[in-house]
Amino acid sequence: MSLRVGIAGAGNVATHLARGLKAAGCDIVAVSAPTQEHAAQLAAEVGAHIYNIEDFPQDLDLTVIAVKDGAVAEVAARLPRTDALVVHTSGSVPVDVPARYHRRAGVLYPLQTFSKDVDVELREVPFFLETVSEADMAPLKAVASMLSDHFYEADSDKRALLHIAGVLTSNFSVYLLEECRKVLARGGFPLEVVKPLAEATLAKVFEVGPYDAMTGPARRGDVAVVEKQAAALPPDSSEIYRLISGRILDIYHPSSLK
């Protein structure tokens, strides 16, 4: 299926989706972004023309709004009213935001972390879909099938939970690994020394589940070690260490906190 597609945005998500749709045979007609340089880079890569958002072509089949969450409403409002299916890619923005301005509105939310220069196997990425009109779900599923083998219907409330899960899984893990990097650097070690541990931990989590995968001093109920390690960290880091260790103790050894 060949579609005429407009991409509103030129950041990480917009770039990967534009590449995926182009590879699937779509014609990426229009690209718009606040930063002209970014728009030019993406347009050149996918063979599109650069437009102001107000001047997007009237004959598109699909317009993808892939911008920061706080900008979705503004972009949707500025887009010309057409018969195109207008979707955004946010996990936290309700579908009724684009629906205020467009008769055919929906959501195409990929649960993945994206960086422009890091390859992602889109066919393995789960996409979560919502449309205002039931009649638009089949066309949106057809779009999703061009990108991935995994797509599901999810309304705005469910998608909000998915977004929280994504933050816990990705953003919080990255933050903790940055804290880990700083601890390792104090001893003169690179972050790579914990890569086997991180990979083994993740594999175990998905094999036996997070509850049974937990190990370490808090899991064992070794409060003395927890406090010794927390005291060895800078104040901000020790606060996080104590908070997380306290939650682990509360789950596995609630009597130790009484």
C-alpha atoms as a PDB file:
ATOM      1  CA  MET A   1       0.000   0.000   0.000  1.00  0.00           C
ATOM      2  CA  SER A   2       1.423   3.361  -1.064  1.00  0.00           C
ATOM      3  CA  LEU A   3       0.295   6.379   0.935  1.00  0.00           C
ATOM      4  CA  ARG A   4       1.014  10.075   0.617  1.00  0.00           C
ATOM      5  CA  VAL A   5       2.354  11.012   4.034  1.00  0.00           C
ATOM      6  CA  GLY A   6       3.195  14.247   5.815  1.00  0.00           C
ATOM      7  CA  ILE A   7       5.484  14.287   8.843  1.00  0.00           C
ATOM      8  CA  ALA A   8       5.084  17.124  11.343  1.00  0.00           C
ATOM      9  CA  GLY A   9       8.338  16.965  13.257  1.00  0.00           C
ATOM     10  CA  ALA A  10      11.922  16.005  12.529  1.00  0.00           C
ATOM     11  CA  GLY A  11      13.138  14.647  15.848  1.00  0.00           C
ATOM     12  CA  ASN A  12      13.940  11.107  16.947  1.00  0.00           C
ATOM     13  CA  VAL A  13      10.474   9.553  16.599  1.00  0.00           C
ATOM     14  CA  ALA A  14       9.632  11.472  13.424  1.00  0.00           C
ATOM     15  CA  THR A  15      12.894  10.389  11.808  1.00  0.00           C
ATOM     16  CA  HIS A  16      12.459   6.683  12.529  1.00  0.00           C
ATOM     17  CA  LEU A  17       8.806   6.617  11.476  1.00  0.00           C
ATOM     18  CA  ALA A  18       9.547   8.544   8.286  1.00  0.00           C
ATOM     19  CA  ARG A  19      12.316   6.086   7.444  1.00  0.00           C
ATOM     20  CA  GLY A  20      10.051   3.125   8.195  1.00  0.00           C
ATOM     21  CA  LEU A  21       7.160   4.417   6.119  1.00  0.00           C
ATOM     22  CA  LYS A  22       9.507   5.293   3.260  1.00  0.00           C
ATOM     23  CA  ALA A  23      10.994   1.794   3.359  1.00  0.00           C
ATOM     24  CA  ALA A  24       7.448   0.363   3.268  1.00  0.00           C
ATOM     25  CA  GLY A  25       6.756   2.149  -0.005  1.00  0.00           C
ATOM     26  CA  CYS A  26       5.003   5.287   1.185  1.00  0.00           C
ATOM     27  CA  ASP A  27       5.609   8.620  -0.473  1.00  0.00           C
ATOM     28  CA  ILE A  28       6.807  11.045   2.185  1.00  0.00           C
ATOM     29  CA  VAL A  29       5.520  14.209   0.586  1.00  0.00           C
ATOM     30  CA  ALA A  30       5.894  16.849   3.288  1.00  0.00           C
ATOM     31  CA  VAL A  31       8.086  17.512   6.320  1.00  0.00           C
ATOM     32  CA  SER A  32       7.764  20.371   8.777  1.00  0.00           C
ATOM     33  CA  ALA A  33       9.782  21.213  11.885  1.00  0.00           C
ATOM     34  CA  PRO A  34      10.495  24.319  13.987  1.00  0.00           C
ATOM     35  CA  THR A  35      14.219  23.990  13.221  1.00  0.00           C
ATOM     36  CA  GLN A  36      14.808  24.435   9.519  1.00  0.00           C
ATOM     37  CA  GLU A  37      18.069  22.495   9.599  1.00  0.00           C
ATOM     38  CA  HIS A  38      16.397  19.443  11.093  1.00  0.00           C
ATOM     39  CA  ALA A  39      13.538  19.629   8.610  1.00  0.00           C
ATOM     40  CA  ALA A  40      16.032  19.868   5.740  1.00  0.00           C
ATOM     41  CA  GLN A  41      17.969  16.830   6.966  1.00  0.00           C
ATOM     42  CA  LEU A  42      14.896  14.627   7.229  1.00  0.00           C
ATOM     43  CA  ALA A  43      13.375  15.894   3.983  1.00  0.00           C
ATOM     44  CA  ALA A  44      16.596  15.145   2.112  1.00  0.00           C
ATOM     45  CA  GLU A  45      16.770  11.638   3.591  1.00  0.00           C
ATOM     46  CA  VAL A  46      13.214  10.645   2.658  1.00  0.00           C
ATOM     47  CA  GLY A  47      12.786  12.682  -0.510  1.00  0.00           C
ATOM     48  CA  ALA A  48      10.206  15.103   0.856  1.00  0.00           C
ATOM     49  CA  HIS A  49       9.614  18.822   0.485  1.00  0.00           C
ATOM     50  CA  ILE A  50       9.745  21.223   3.411  1.00  0.00           C
ATOM     51  CA  TYR A  51       6.515  23.036   4.260  1.00  0.00           C
ATOM     52  CA  ASN A  52       5.285  25.406   6.885  1.00  0.00           C
ATOM     53  CA  ILE A  53       2.778  23.451   8.936  1.00  0.00           C
ATOM     54  CA  GLU A  54      -0.065  25.699   7.793  1.00  0.00           C
ATOM     55  CA  ASP A  55       0.773  24.924   4.174  1.00  0.00           C
ATOM     56  CA  PHE A  56       0.758  21.122   4.299  1.00  0.00           C
ATOM     57  CA  PRO A  57      -0.669  19.632   1.076  1.00  0.00           C
ATOM     58  CA  GLN A  58      -4.400  19.018   0.960  1.00  0.00           C
ATOM     59  CA  ASP A  59      -4.159  15.618  -0.745  1.00  0.00           C
ATOM     60  CA  LEU A  60      -2.295  13.615   1.912  1.00  0.00           C
ATOM     61  CA  ASP A  61      -3.570  10.231   3.086  1.00  0.00           C
ATOM     62  CA  LEU A  62      -1.824  10.396   6.458  1.00  0.00           C
ATOM     63  CA  THR A  63      -0.296  13.139   8.590  1.00  0.00           C
ATOM     64  CA  VAL A  64       1.916  12.070  11.500  1.00  0.00           C
ATOM     65  CA  ILE A  65       2.407  14.587  14.312  1.00  0.00           C
ATOM     66  CA  ALA A  66       5.646  13.491  15.982  1.00  0.00           C
ATOM     67  CA  VAL A  67       6.562  16.383  18.243  1.00  0.00           C
ATOM     68  CA  LYS A  68       6.981  17.007  21.972  1.00  0.00           C
ATOM     69  CA  ASP A  69       3.853  16.226  23.967  1.00  0.00           C
ATOM     70  CA  GLY A  70       3.259  19.864  24.827  1.00  0.00           C
ATOM     71  CA  ALA A  71       3.324  20.879  21.161  1.00  0.00           C
ATOM     72  CA  VAL A  72       0.801  18.339  19.809  1.00  0.00           C
ATOM     73  CA  ALA A  73      -2.228  20.594  20.280  1.00  0.00           C
ATOM     74  CA  GLU A  74      -0.575  23.608  18.652  1.00  0.00           C
ATOM     75  CA  VAL A  75       0.562  21.609  15.621  1.00  0.00           C
ATOM     76  CA  ALA A  76      -2.832  19.943  15.249  1.00  0.00           C
ATOM     77  CA  ALA A  77      -4.519  23.329  15.363  1.00  0.00           C
ATOM     78  CA  ARG A  78      -2.231  24.788  12.695  1.00  0.00           C
ATOM     79  CA  LEU A  79      -2.576  21.902  10.239  1.00  0.00           C
ATOM     80  CA  PRO A  80      -4.998  22.497   7.344  1.00  0.00           C
ATOM     81  CA  ARG A  81      -8.354  20.705   7.692  1.00  0.00           C
ATOM     82  CA  THR A  82      -8.334  17.861   5.179  1.00  0.00           C
ATOM     83  CA  ASP A  83      -9.610  14.324   4.718  1.00  0.00           C
ATOM     84  CA  ALA A  84      -6.231  12.911   5.788  1.00  0.00           C
ATOM     85  CA  LEU A  85      -6.018  10.683   8.855  1.00  0.00           C
ATOM     86  CA  VAL A  86      -4.136  12.822  11.404  1.00  0.00           C
ATOM     87  CA  VAL A  87      -2.321  10.868  14.129  1.00  0.00           C
ATOM     88  CA  HIS A  88       0.077  11.809  16.874  1.00  0.00           C
ATOM     89  CA  THR A  89       2.732   9.561  18.411  1.00  0.00           C
ATOM     90  CA  SER A  90       2.497  10.504  22.089  1.00  0.00           C
ATOM     91  CA  GLY A  91       1.828   8.141  24.939  1.00  0.00           C
ATOM     92  CA  SER A  92       0.444  10.810  27.252  1.00  0.00           C
ATOM     93  CA  VAL A  93      -1.659  13.022  24.955  1.00  0.00           C
ATOM     94  CA  PRO A  94      -5.337  11.979  24.611  1.00  0.00           C
ATOM     95  CA  VAL A  95      -6.770  11.283  21.190  1.00  0.00           C
ATOM     96  CA  ASP A  96      -9.299  14.057  21.610  1.00  0.00           C
ATOM     97  CA  VAL A  97      -6.525  16.655  21.236  1.00  0.00           C
ATOM     98  CA  PRO A  98      -6.145  16.223  17.449  1.00  0.00           C
ATOM     99  CA  ALA A  99      -9.859  15.400  17.261  1.00  0.00           C
ATOM    100  CA  ARG A 100     -10.671  18.996  18.231  1.00  0.00           C
ATOM    101  CA  TYR A 101      -9.393  20.065  14.832  1.00  0.00           C
ATOM    102  CA  HIS A 102      -9.589  17.057  12.507  1.00  0.00           C
ATOM    103  CA  ARG A 103     -12.492  14.823  11.580  1.00  0.00           C
ATOM    104  CA  ARG A 104     -10.221  11.777  11.204  1.00  0.00           C
ATOM    105  CA  ALA A 105      -7.920  11.657  14.211  1.00  0.00           C
ATOM    106  CA  GLY A 106      -5.939   8.936  15.932  1.00  0.00           C
ATOM    107  CA  VAL A 107      -2.802   7.834  17.748  1.00  0.00           C
ATOM    108  CA  LEU A 108       0.144   5.754  16.531  1.00  0.00           C
ATOM    109  CA  TYR A 109       2.244   5.296  19.688  1.00  0.00           C
ATOM    110  CA  PRO A 110       5.486   3.280  19.529  1.00  0.00           C
ATOM    111  CA  LEU A 111       6.629   1.987  22.923  1.00  0.00           C
ATOM    112  CA  GLN A 112      10.342   2.408  22.313  1.00  0.00           C
ATOM    113  CA  THR A 113      13.223   4.784  22.929  1.00  0.00           C
ATOM    114  CA  PHE A 114      14.546   6.423  19.777  1.00  0.00           C
ATOM    115  CA  SER A 115      17.702   8.286  18.827  1.00  0.00           C
ATOM    116  CA  LYS A 116      18.278   9.405  15.260  1.00  0.00           C
ATOM    117  CA  ASP A 117      21.670   7.753  14.924  1.00  0.00           C
ATOM    118  CA  VAL A 118      20.843   4.491  16.707  1.00  0.00           C
ATOM    119  CA  ASP A 119      19.248   1.786  14.562  1.00  0.00           C
ATOM    120  CA  VAL A 120      15.965   0.316  15.801  1.00  0.00           C
ATOM    121  CA  GLU A 121      14.290  -2.786  14.401  1.00  0.00           C
ATOM    122  CA  LEU A 122      10.854  -1.287  13.948  1.00  0.00           C
ATOM    123  CA  ARG A 123       9.272  -4.642  13.148  1.00  0.00           C
ATOM    124  CA  GLU A 124       9.892  -5.634  16.792  1.00  0.00           C
ATOM    125  CA  VAL A 125       8.541  -2.407  18.293  1.00  0.00           C
ATOM    126  CA  PRO A 126       5.005  -2.592  19.726  1.00  0.00           C
ATOM    127  CA  PHE A 127       2.668   0.132  18.468  1.00  0.00           C
ATOM    128  CA  PHE A 128      -0.505   1.125  20.307  1.00  0.00           C
ATOM    129  CA  LEU A 129      -3.376   2.507  18.254  1.00  0.00           C
ATOM    130  CA  GLU A 130      -6.459   4.600  18.874  1.00  0.00           C
ATOM    131  CA  THR A 131      -8.872   6.343  16.530  1.00  0.00           C
ATOM    132  CA  VAL A 132     -11.842   8.599  17.112  1.00  0.00           C
ATOM    133  CA  SER A 133     -13.857   6.833  14.440  1.00  0.00           C
ATOM    134  CA  GLU A 134     -14.131   3.066  14.434  1.00  0.00           C
ATOM    135  CA  ALA A 135     -13.953   3.221  10.634  1.00  0.00           C
ATOM    136  CA  ASP A 136     -10.397   4.602  10.826  1.00  0.00           C
ATOM    137  CA  MET A 137      -9.008   1.749  12.945  1.00  0.00           C
ATOM    138  CA  ALA A 138      -8.571  -0.609   9.973  1.00  0.00           C
ATOM    139  CA  PRO A 139      -6.628   1.981   7.923  1.00  0.00           C
ATOM    140  CA  LEU A 140      -4.454   2.780  10.950  1.00  0.00           C
ATOM    141  CA  LYS A 141      -3.764  -0.918  11.532  1.00  0.00           C
ATOM    142  CA  ALA A 142      -2.719  -1.142   7.889  1.00  0.00           C
ATOM    143  CA  VAL A 143      -0.234   1.680   8.518  1.00  0.00           C
ATOM    144  CA  ALA A 144       1.051   0.002  11.676  1.00  0.00           C
ATOM    145  CA  SER A 145       1.489  -3.286   9.826  1.00  0.00           C
ATOM    146  CA  MET A 146       3.834  -1.543   7.409  1.00  0.00           C
ATOM    147  CA  LEU A 147       6.063  -0.650  10.345  1.00  0.00           C
ATOM    148  CA  SER A 148       5.790  -3.496  12.835  1.00  0.00           C
ATOM    149  CA  ASP A 149       4.605  -7.032  13.465  1.00  0.00           C
ATOM    150  CA  HIS A 150       3.221  -5.985  16.855  1.00  0.00           C
ATOM    151  CA  PHE A 151       0.328  -3.541  17.160  1.00  0.00           C
ATOM    152  CA  TYR A 152      -2.571  -3.292  19.569  1.00  0.00           C
ATOM    153  CA  GLU A 153      -5.599  -1.124  20.236  1.00  0.00           C
ATOM    154  CA  ALA A 154      -5.243   0.994  23.366  1.00  0.00           C
ATOM    155  CA  ASP A 155      -7.403   3.913  24.441  1.00  0.00           C
ATOM    156  CA  SER A 156      -5.968   7.067  26.000  1.00  0.00           C
ATOM    157  CA  ASP A 157      -6.248   5.795  29.590  1.00  0.00           C
ATOM    158  CA  LYS A 158      -4.427   2.557  28.796  1.00  0.00           C
ATOM    159  CA  ARG A 159      -1.840   4.416  26.758  1.00  0.00           C
ATOM    160  CA  ALA A 160      -1.122   6.702  29.718  1.00  0.00           C
ATOM    161  CA  LEU A 161      -0.257   3.599  31.762  1.00  0.00           C
ATOM    162  CA  LEU A 162       1.952   2.327  28.952  1.00  0.00           C
ATOM    163  CA  HIS A 163       3.772   5.643  28.926  1.00  0.00           C
ATOM    164  CA  ILE A 164       4.431   5.434  32.671  1.00  0.00           C
ATOM    165  CA  ALA A 165       5.698   1.875  32.196  1.00  0.00           C
ATOM    166  CA  GLY A 166       7.994   3.139  29.453  1.00  0.00           C
ATOM    167  CA  VAL A 167       9.456   5.811  31.732  1.00  0.00           C
ATOM    168  CA  LEU A 168      10.052   3.275  34.506  1.00  0.00           C
ATOM    169  CA  THR A 169      11.620   0.796  32.097  1.00  0.00           C
ATOM    170  CA  SER A 170      13.791   3.088  30.027  1.00  0.00           C
ATOM    171  CA  ASN A 171      14.288   6.530  31.554  1.00  0.00           C
ATOM    172  CA  PHE A 172      14.700   5.424  35.151  1.00  0.00           C
ATOM    173  CA  SER A 173      17.036   2.601  34.133  1.00  0.00           C
ATOM    174  CA  VAL A 174      19.193   5.030  32.172  1.00  0.00           C
ATOM    175  CA  TYR A 175      19.296   7.402  35.138  1.00  0.00           C
ATOM    176  CA  LEU A 176      20.427   4.597  37.464  1.00  0.00           C
ATOM    177  CA  LEU A 177      23.082   3.496  34.982  1.00  0.00           C
ATOM    178  CA  GLU A 178      24.379   7.071  34.905  1.00  0.00           C
ATOM    179  CA  GLU A 179      24.622   6.921  38.703  1.00  0.00           C
ATOM    180  CA  CYS A 180      26.417   3.604  38.274  1.00  0.00           C
ATOM    181  CA  ARG A 181      28.830   5.173  35.777  1.00  0.00           C
ATOM    182  CA  LYS A 182      29.765   7.871  38.295  1.00  0.00           C
ATOM    183  CA  VAL A 183      30.388   5.294  41.036  1.00  0.00           C
ATOM    184  CA  LEU A 184      32.547   3.215  38.702  1.00  0.00           C
ATOM    185  CA  ALA A 185      34.493   6.281  37.595  1.00  0.00           C
ATOM    186  CA  ARG A 186      35.526   6.889  41.222  1.00  0.00           C
ATOM    187  CA  GLY A 187      37.309   3.548  41.069  1.00  0.00           C
ATOM    188  CA  GLY A 188      38.729   4.133  37.594  1.00  0.00           C
ATOM    189  CA  PHE A 189      36.431   1.655  35.849  1.00  0.00           C
ATOM    190  CA  PRO A 190      34.386   2.143  32.673  1.00  0.00           C
ATOM    191  CA  LEU A 191      30.637   1.532  32.512  1.00  0.00           C
ATOM    192  CA  GLU A 192      31.303  -1.495  30.278  1.00  0.00           C
ATOM    193  CA  VAL A 193      32.326  -3.595  33.272  1.00  0.00           C
ATOM    194  CA  VAL A 194      28.663  -3.885  34.319  1.00  0.00           C
ATOM    195  CA  LYS A 195      27.378  -4.685  30.837  1.00  0.00           C
ATOM    196  CA  PRO A 196      27.352  -8.494  31.415  1.00  0.00           C
ATOM    197  CA  LEU A 197      25.538  -7.934  34.719  1.00  0.00           C
ATOM    198  CA  ALA A 198      22.960  -5.635  33.100  1.00  0.00           C
ATOM    199  CA  GLU A 199      22.329  -8.050  30.243  1.00  0.00           C
ATOM    200  CA  ALA A 200      22.048 -11.079  32.546  1.00  0.00           C
ATOM    201  CA  THR A 201      19.703  -9.206  34.875  1.00  0.00           C
ATOM    202  CA  LEU A 202      17.406  -8.148  32.057  1.00  0.00           C
ATOM    203  CA  ALA A 203      17.331 -11.663  30.620  1.00  0.00           C
ATOM    204  CA  LYS A 204      16.482 -13.104  34.038  1.00  0.00           C
ATOM    205  CA  VAL A 205      13.699 -10.560  34.611  1.00  0.00           C
ATOM    206  CA  PHE A 206      11.930 -11.692  31.454  1.00  0.00           C
ATOM    207  CA  GLU A 207      12.544 -15.367  32.231  1.00  0.00           C
ATOM    208  CA  VAL A 208      11.368 -15.563  35.861  1.00  0.00           C
ATOM    209  CA  GLY A 209       9.704 -12.167  36.462  1.00  0.00           C
ATOM    210  CA  PRO A 210      10.950  -9.107  38.380  1.00  0.00           C
ATOM    211  CA  TYR A 211       9.958 -10.369  41.830  1.00  0.00           C
ATOM    212  CA  ASP A 212      11.960 -13.592  41.602  1.00  0.00           C
ATOM    213  CA  ALA A 213      14.836 -11.932  39.721  1.00  0.00           C
ATOM    214  CA  MET A 214      15.666  -9.567  42.591  1.00  0.00           C
ATOM    215  CA  THR A 215      18.992 -10.119  44.406  1.00  0.00           C
ATOM    216  CA  GLY A 216      21.361  -7.938  46.429  1.00  0.00           C
ATOM    217  CA  PRO A 217      21.677  -6.672  50.017  1.00  0.00           C
ATOM    218  CA  ALA A 218      18.166  -5.211  50.322  1.00  0.00           C
ATOM    219  CA  ARG A 219      16.653  -8.414  48.933  1.00  0.00           C
ATOM    220  CA  ARG A 220      18.621 -10.388  51.534  1.00  0.00           C
ATOM    221  CA  GLY A 221      17.525  -8.026  54.283  1.00  0.00           C
ATOM    222  CA  ASP A 222      21.086  -6.912  55.023  1.00  0.00           C
ATOM    223  CA  VAL A 223      20.270  -3.473  56.408  1.00  0.00           C
ATOM    224  CA  ALA A 224      23.825  -2.868  57.616  1.00  0.00           C
ATOM    225  CA  VAL A 225      25.248  -3.248  54.099  1.00  0.00           C
ATOM    226  CA  VAL A 226      22.499  -1.060  52.650  1.00  0.00           C
ATOM    227  CA  GLU A 227      23.332   1.721  55.105  1.00  0.00           C
ATOM    228  CA  LYS A 228      27.086   1.376  54.587  1.00  0.00           C
ATOM    229  CA  GLN A 229      26.727   1.660  50.822  1.00  0.00           C
ATOM    230  CA  ALA A 230      24.297   4.570  51.058  1.00  0.00           C
ATOM    231  CA  ALA A 231      26.724   6.431  53.342  1.00  0.00           C
ATOM    232  CA  ALA A 232      29.491   6.030  50.754  1.00  0.00           C
ATOM    233  CA  LEU A 233      27.517   7.958  48.126  1.00  0.00           C
ATOM    234  CA  PRO A 234      27.067  11.709  47.620  1.00  0.00           C
ATOM    235  CA  PRO A 235      23.942  13.088  49.360  1.00  0.00           C
ATOM    236  CA  ASP A 236      21.662  13.166  46.302  1.00  0.00           C
ATOM    237  CA  SER A 237      22.668   9.661  45.235  1.00  0.00           C
ATOM    238  CA  SER A 238      22.441   8.260  48.747  1.00  0.00           C
ATOM    239  CA  GLU A 239      18.884   9.572  49.044  1.00  0.00           C
ATOM    240  CA  ILE A 240      17.861   7.651  45.933  1.00  0.00           C
ATOM    241  CA  TYR A 241      19.791   4.562  47.093  1.00  0.00           C
ATOM    242  CA  ARG A 242      18.058   4.567  50.491  1.00  0.00           C
ATOM    243  CA  LEU A 243      14.643   5.179  48.965  1.00  0.00           C
ATOM    244  CA  ILE A 244      14.861   2.305  46.474  1.00  0.00           C
ATOM    245  CA  SER A 245      16.518  -0.034  48.976  1.00  0.00           C
ATOM    246  CA  GLY A 246      13.807   0.825  51.474  1.00  0.00           C
ATOM    247  CA  ARG A 247      11.113  -0.154  48.990  1.00  0.00           C
ATOM    248  CA  ILE A 248      12.886  -3.472  48.301  1.00  0.00           C
ATOM    249  CA  LEU A 249      13.170  -4.130  52.037  1.00  0.00           C
ATOM    250  CA  ASP A 250       9.509  -3.267  52.475  1.00  0.00           C
ATOM    251  CA  ILE A 251       8.536  -5.798  49.799  1.00  0.00           C
ATOM    252  CA  TYR A 252      10.745  -8.704  50.872  1.00  0.00           C
ATOM    253  CA  HIS A 253      11.429  -7.990  54.590  1.00  0.00           C
ATOM    254  CA  PRO A 254       8.741  -5.636  55.911  1.00  0.00           C
ATOM    255  CA  SER A 255       9.510  -6.579  59.527  1.00  0.00           C
ATOM    256  CA  SER A 256      13.051  -5.160  59.201  1.00  0.00           C
ATOM    257  CA  LEU A 257      11.612  -1.626  58.902  1.00  0.00           C
ATOM    258  CA  LYS A 258       9.550  -1.800  62.085  1.00  0.00           C
END
